[in-house]
Amino acid sequence: MPIPPPPAPGTLLVDTSRDDLIGEFRGLAGPYWALRPVRGGPEWEAEPRDVRPADPMERLRAETARANARSVEGLL
């Protein structure tokens, strides 16, 4: 399976190697893609082969989590 080209920064992706954890694409880290949790926190590196675009429902859940973190927890 060929390695896909990196997406635009900020794109929401699902890391299938981490129980479908959703992260925001931040950039390249050598051969890996750097992702950041949508609610904030440390970035992690993912194999591009293990990442797929978030579907509409996953994006909605992630955006809701981000908005809740901003308003309730004072994060981001």
Protein backbone atom coordinates (compact mmCIF):
# COMPACT_ATOMS: atom_id res chain seq x y z
CA MET A 1 0.00 0.00 0.00
CA PRO A 2 1.56 3.34 -1.02
CA ILE A 3 2.03 6.07 1.54
CA PRO A 4 -0.57 8.79 1.02
CA PRO A 5 0.52 12.41 0.65
CA PRO A 6 0.26 14.45 3.86
CA PRO A 7 -2.98 16.37 4.37
CA ALA A 8 -3.31 20.07 5.10
CA PRO A 9 -2.47 21.14 8.66
CA GLY A 10 -5.53 20.97 10.88
CA THR A 11 -7.12 18.05 9.03
CA LEU A 12 -8.82 15.62 11.41
CA LEU A 13 -7.50 12.08 11.07
CA VAL A 14 -8.08 8.73 12.75
CA ASP A 15 -5.08 6.73 13.95
CA THR A 16 -6.19 3.12 13.54
CA SER A 17 -3.15 1.85 15.45
CA ARG A 18 -4.36 3.66 18.60
CA ASP A 19 -7.94 2.44 18.91
CA ASP A 20 -9.17 4.96 16.34
CA LEU A 21 -7.88 7.97 18.25
CA ILE A 22 -8.76 11.18 16.42
CA GLY A 23 -6.07 13.79 16.01
CA GLU A 24 -5.38 16.98 14.14
CA PHE A 25 -2.60 16.80 11.57
CA ARG A 26 0.24 19.08 12.66
CA GLY A 27 3.01 18.23 10.21
CA LEU A 28 5.73 15.77 9.37
CA ALA A 29 8.10 14.20 11.88
CA GLY A 30 10.56 12.38 9.66
CA PRO A 31 8.69 9.48 8.07
CA TYR A 32 5.79 9.89 10.51
CA TRP A 33 2.84 12.23 10.72
CA ALA A 34 2.53 14.36 13.85
CA LEU A 35 -1.00 14.36 15.27
CA ARG A 36 -2.41 16.24 18.25
CA PRO A 37 -5.51 15.36 20.26
CA VAL A 38 -8.37 17.71 19.42
CA ARG A 39 -8.92 18.51 23.10
CA GLY A 40 -5.27 19.47 23.49
CA GLY A 41 -2.33 17.57 24.85
CA PRO A 42 0.94 16.21 23.58
CA GLU A 43 1.40 15.31 19.96
CA TRP A 44 2.10 11.76 18.89
CA GLU A 45 3.65 10.29 15.79
CA ALA A 46 1.71 7.95 13.54
CA GLU A 47 2.63 5.79 10.59
CA PRO A 48 0.91 7.32 7.54
CA ARG A 49 -0.38 3.83 6.61
CA ASP A 50 -2.24 3.65 9.95
CA VAL A 51 -4.08 6.94 9.45
CA ARG A 52 -7.30 7.66 7.60
CA PRO A 53 -9.48 10.76 7.23
CA ALA A 54 -12.13 11.18 9.90
CA ASP A 55 -15.65 10.51 8.65
CA PRO A 56 -18.39 13.13 9.14
CA MET A 57 -19.61 11.68 12.48
CA GLU A 58 -16.05 11.44 13.83
CA ARG A 59 -15.37 15.04 12.81
CA LEU A 60 -18.57 16.18 14.52
CA ARG A 61 -17.62 14.38 17.76
CA ALA A 62 -14.10 15.81 17.63
CA GLU A 63 -15.31 19.36 16.99
CA THR A 64 -17.81 19.04 19.85
CA ALA A 65 -15.05 17.80 22.17
CA ARG A 66 -12.86 20.73 21.13
CA ALA A 67 -15.63 23.25 21.80
CA ASN A 68 -16.39 21.68 25.18
CA ALA A 69 -12.71 21.80 26.16
CA ARG A 70 -12.55 25.47 25.29
CA SER A 71 -15.66 26.46 27.21
CA VAL A 72 -15.68 24.10 30.21
CA GLU A 73 -12.11 23.12 30.90
CA GLY A 74 -10.42 26.28 29.72
CA LEU A 75 -8.10 24.32 27.45
CA LEU A 76 -6.71 25.33 24.10
